[in-house]
Protein backbone atom coordinates (compact mmCIF):
# COMPACT_ATOMS: atom_id res chain seq x y z
CA MET A 1 -158.90 104.71 8.13
CA GLY A 2 -160.60 106.51 5.27
CA GLY A 3 -163.00 105.10 2.70
CA PHE A 4 -162.73 101.72 1.10
CA TYR A 5 -160.59 103.06 -1.70
CA GLY A 6 -158.51 105.24 0.59
CA SER A 7 -154.78 104.69 0.60
CA ILE A 8 -153.74 102.82 3.72
CA LYS A 9 -150.13 101.84 4.13
CA ASN A 10 -148.99 98.91 6.18
CA MET A 11 -152.46 97.49 6.69
CA LYS A 12 -152.19 94.24 8.58
CA ILE A 13 -154.52 91.28 8.03
CA ASN A 14 -154.58 88.15 10.17
CA VAL A 15 -156.06 84.94 8.81
CA GLY A 16 -157.21 82.49 11.46
CA SER A 17 -155.47 79.48 9.94
CA LYS A 18 -152.10 77.97 9.13
CA ASN A 19 -153.65 76.25 6.06
CA ASN A 20 -151.80 77.71 3.07
CA VAL A 21 -154.85 77.32 0.82
CA LYS A 22 -156.85 79.69 3.04
CA ILE A 23 -153.97 82.15 3.53
CA GLU A 24 -153.20 82.32 -0.19
CA ALA A 25 -156.89 82.67 -1.04
CA VAL A 26 -157.09 85.75 1.21
CA ARG A 27 -153.79 87.15 -0.08
CA GLU A 28 -154.76 86.72 -3.75
CA MET A 29 -158.30 88.02 -3.27
CA LEU A 30 -157.14 91.17 -1.46
CA GLN A 31 -154.88 92.08 -4.39
CA GLU A 32 -158.03 92.82 -6.37
CA TYR A 33 -159.03 95.59 -3.94
CA GLU A 34 -157.22 98.92 -3.87
CA MET A 35 -157.70 99.27 -0.11
CA PHE A 36 -155.76 96.06 0.50
CA LYS A 37 -153.12 96.23 -2.27
CA ASN A 38 -150.16 96.57 0.10
CA ALA A 39 -151.62 94.67 3.02
CA GLU A 40 -149.46 92.30 5.00
CA VAL A 41 -151.31 88.98 5.30
CA ASN A 42 -150.34 86.60 8.09
CA GLY A 43 -151.65 83.14 8.89
CA VAL A 44 -152.15 82.66 12.62
CA LYS A 45 -153.09 79.40 14.29
CA ALA A 46 -156.65 79.74 15.55
CA LEU A 47 -159.22 77.55 17.16
CA SER A 48 -162.67 77.47 15.61
CA ASP A 49 -164.22 76.36 18.92
CA VAL A 50 -166.65 74.18 16.94
CA SER A 51 -166.52 70.59 15.66
CA GLU A 52 -163.61 69.69 13.41
CA GLN A 53 -166.27 69.10 10.74
CA PRO A 54 -169.17 71.52 11.29
CA LYS A 55 -172.55 69.95 10.57
CA SER A 56 -174.82 72.96 10.18
CA LEU A 57 -174.69 76.38 8.59
CA GLU A 58 -174.89 77.96 12.05
CA GLU A 59 -171.89 75.96 13.29
CA THR A 60 -169.91 76.72 10.13
CA ILE A 61 -170.51 80.47 10.47
CA LEU A 62 -169.73 80.37 14.19
CA GLY A 63 -166.46 78.58 13.43
CA ALA A 64 -165.49 81.28 10.93
CA GLN A 65 -166.42 84.04 13.39
CA ASN A 66 -164.48 82.39 16.20
CA ARG A 67 -161.38 82.01 14.04
CA ALA A 68 -161.55 85.68 13.05
CA LYS A 69 -162.18 86.91 16.59
CA ASN A 70 -159.49 84.66 18.09
CA VAL A 71 -156.77 86.18 15.88
CA PHE A 72 -157.88 89.81 16.02
CA SER A 73 -154.76 91.24 17.60
CA ASP A 74 -152.37 93.87 16.25
CA CYS A 75 -154.20 94.00 12.91
CA ASP A 76 -156.73 96.06 10.98
CA TYR A 77 -158.93 93.12 9.97
CA SER A 78 -158.98 89.42 10.68
CA PHE A 79 -160.42 86.71 8.48
CA GLY A 80 -161.93 83.45 9.64
CA ILE A 81 -162.73 80.77 7.09
CA GLU A 82 -164.62 77.59 7.88
CA SER A 83 -166.12 74.86 5.73
CA GLY A 84 -168.91 72.61 6.88
CA ILE A 85 -171.93 70.68 5.79
CA THR A 86 -175.46 71.94 6.10
CA LYS A 87 -178.88 70.39 5.50
CA VAL A 88 -180.23 71.10 2.04
CA PRO A 89 -183.59 69.72 0.92
CA GLU A 90 -183.93 67.68 -2.27
CA THR A 91 -180.25 66.62 -2.28
CA LYS A 92 -179.23 62.96 -2.54
CA THR A 93 -177.55 62.96 0.90
CA GLY A 94 -179.54 65.70 2.61
CA TYR A 95 -176.41 67.86 2.97
CA MET A 96 -174.11 70.15 1.03
CA ASP A 97 -170.72 71.63 1.83
CA VAL A 98 -170.39 75.41 2.07
CA THR A 99 -167.54 77.71 3.09
CA ALA A 100 -168.11 80.73 5.32
CA CYS A 101 -165.82 83.74 5.58
CA ALA A 102 -166.10 86.10 8.53
CA ILE A 103 -164.13 89.34 8.35
CA TYR A 104 -163.79 90.99 11.75
CA ASP A 105 -162.93 94.67 12.21
CA GLY A 106 -162.84 94.62 16.01
CA LYS A 107 -166.50 95.63 16.32
CA GLN A 108 -168.55 93.62 13.88
CA PHE A 109 -168.42 90.70 11.48
CA HIS A 110 -168.83 90.88 7.72
CA LEU A 111 -170.02 87.50 6.43
CA GLY A 112 -169.87 85.79 3.07
CA LEU A 113 -170.57 82.31 1.76
CA SER A 114 -169.35 80.25 -1.16
CA SER A 115 -171.47 78.26 -3.53
CA ALA A 116 -172.36 74.81 -2.17
CA PHE A 117 -171.79 71.29 -3.42
CA GLU A 118 -172.77 67.79 -2.39
CA TYR A 119 -170.36 65.10 -1.28
CA PRO A 120 -170.75 61.52 -2.51
CA LYS A 121 -173.15 59.51 -0.32
CA ILE A 122 -170.33 57.50 1.31
CA ILE A 123 -168.49 60.68 2.33
CA THR A 124 -171.55 62.26 3.95
CA LYS A 125 -172.31 58.96 5.69
CA TYR A 126 -168.76 58.79 7.12
CA ILE A 127 -168.85 62.43 8.23
CA LEU A 128 -172.13 61.92 10.07
CA GLU A 129 -171.70 58.40 11.41
CA LYS A 130 -167.97 58.32 12.16
CA ASP A 131 -167.73 62.00 13.13
CA ILE A 132 -164.68 62.60 10.93
CA ASN A 133 -163.86 65.51 8.63
CA ALA A 134 -164.26 65.42 4.86
CA SER A 135 -160.53 64.87 4.18
CA GLN A 136 -160.49 61.87 6.51
CA ALA A 137 -163.72 60.55 4.96
CA PHE A 138 -162.27 60.71 1.43
CA PHE A 139 -159.16 58.88 2.65
CA GLU A 140 -161.11 56.27 4.63
CA ALA A 141 -163.49 55.63 1.72
CA GLY A 142 -160.49 55.04 -0.54
CA LEU A 143 -161.41 57.91 -2.84
CA HIS A 144 -158.17 59.81 -2.19
CA GLN A 145 -154.76 58.79 -0.90
CA ASP A 146 -154.04 62.08 0.88
CA GLU A 147 -155.59 62.50 4.33
CA LYS A 148 -154.98 66.26 4.05
CA ILE A 149 -156.78 66.85 0.76
CA GLY A 150 -158.26 70.02 2.30
CA SER A 151 -154.80 71.58 2.41
CA LYS A 152 -154.44 71.15 -1.35
CA SER A 153 -157.05 71.27 -4.13
CA GLY A 154 -159.67 69.94 -1.72
CA ALA A 155 -162.62 67.64 -2.16
CA ILE A 156 -164.12 70.13 -4.60
CA GLY A 157 -160.92 69.91 -6.67
CA TYR A 158 -161.10 66.14 -6.67
CA LEU A 159 -164.79 66.05 -7.59
CA THR A 160 -164.49 68.67 -10.37
CA ARG A 161 -161.13 67.34 -11.60
CA ASP A 162 -159.59 70.67 -10.57
CA ARG A 163 -162.05 72.77 -12.55
CA LEU A 164 -162.82 74.37 -9.18
CA THR A 165 -160.14 74.11 -6.52
CA ARG A 166 -160.45 74.64 -2.79
CA LYS A 167 -158.61 77.94 -3.13
CA ASP A 168 -161.06 79.24 -5.73
CA TYR A 169 -164.01 77.90 -3.72
CA THR A 170 -162.67 79.70 -0.64
CA LYS A 171 -162.25 82.90 -2.65
CA GLN A 172 -166.00 82.89 -3.35
CA ALA A 173 -166.73 83.22 0.38
CA ILE A 174 -164.05 85.89 0.78
CA ARG A 175 -165.39 87.91 -2.16
CA THR A 176 -168.95 87.85 -0.85
CA ALA A 177 -167.78 88.94 2.62
CA LEU A 178 -165.83 91.81 1.08
CA ILE A 179 -169.10 93.18 -0.36
CA HIS A 180 -169.74 94.67 3.10
CA LEU A 181 -166.44 96.56 3.18
CA GLU A 182 -166.68 97.76 -0.40
CA ASN A 183 -170.21 99.04 0.16
CA LYS A 184 -170.08 100.23 3.77
CA GLU A 185 -172.75 102.85 3.19
CA LEU A 186 -175.24 100.11 2.31
CA TYR A 187 -174.61 98.03 5.41
């Protein structure tokens, strides 16, 4: 395959999701890396094999890894992206949302995380008590009219008034996972 900056034609990347926000985040992020400039990026339906709304960092990472591993077929790399809540001390709700990206090369995972943010108290309460995902919680709480907010600008977009969208938030996790591929000699 050559080094990170080697010229590879027809590289194929599978993303373990049919969510356009995740697929476009991967596609756009890879354009910044010479190795992936001409890569073909395909969204593939994938099971995370974890809760619909992960409730720990471990479960969120496992969901990303499972998505990546479950779509690693006829490709050079596969990407799994999963968002979930995790316990964070000193927060108002006790939890923050974080996105994990797992890049799988057929042998090992390369992990990255996004920054984290806290949901409003009612959202965290609904996620934990009603066992629903964040999009459903925003809808049920009457904070958003779209039950599929996560397929658009996301809760982070709503809360920041689109200063940070779900796509950009997802890109953070992708970029930090790509550190491993760009600096293979260090890992």
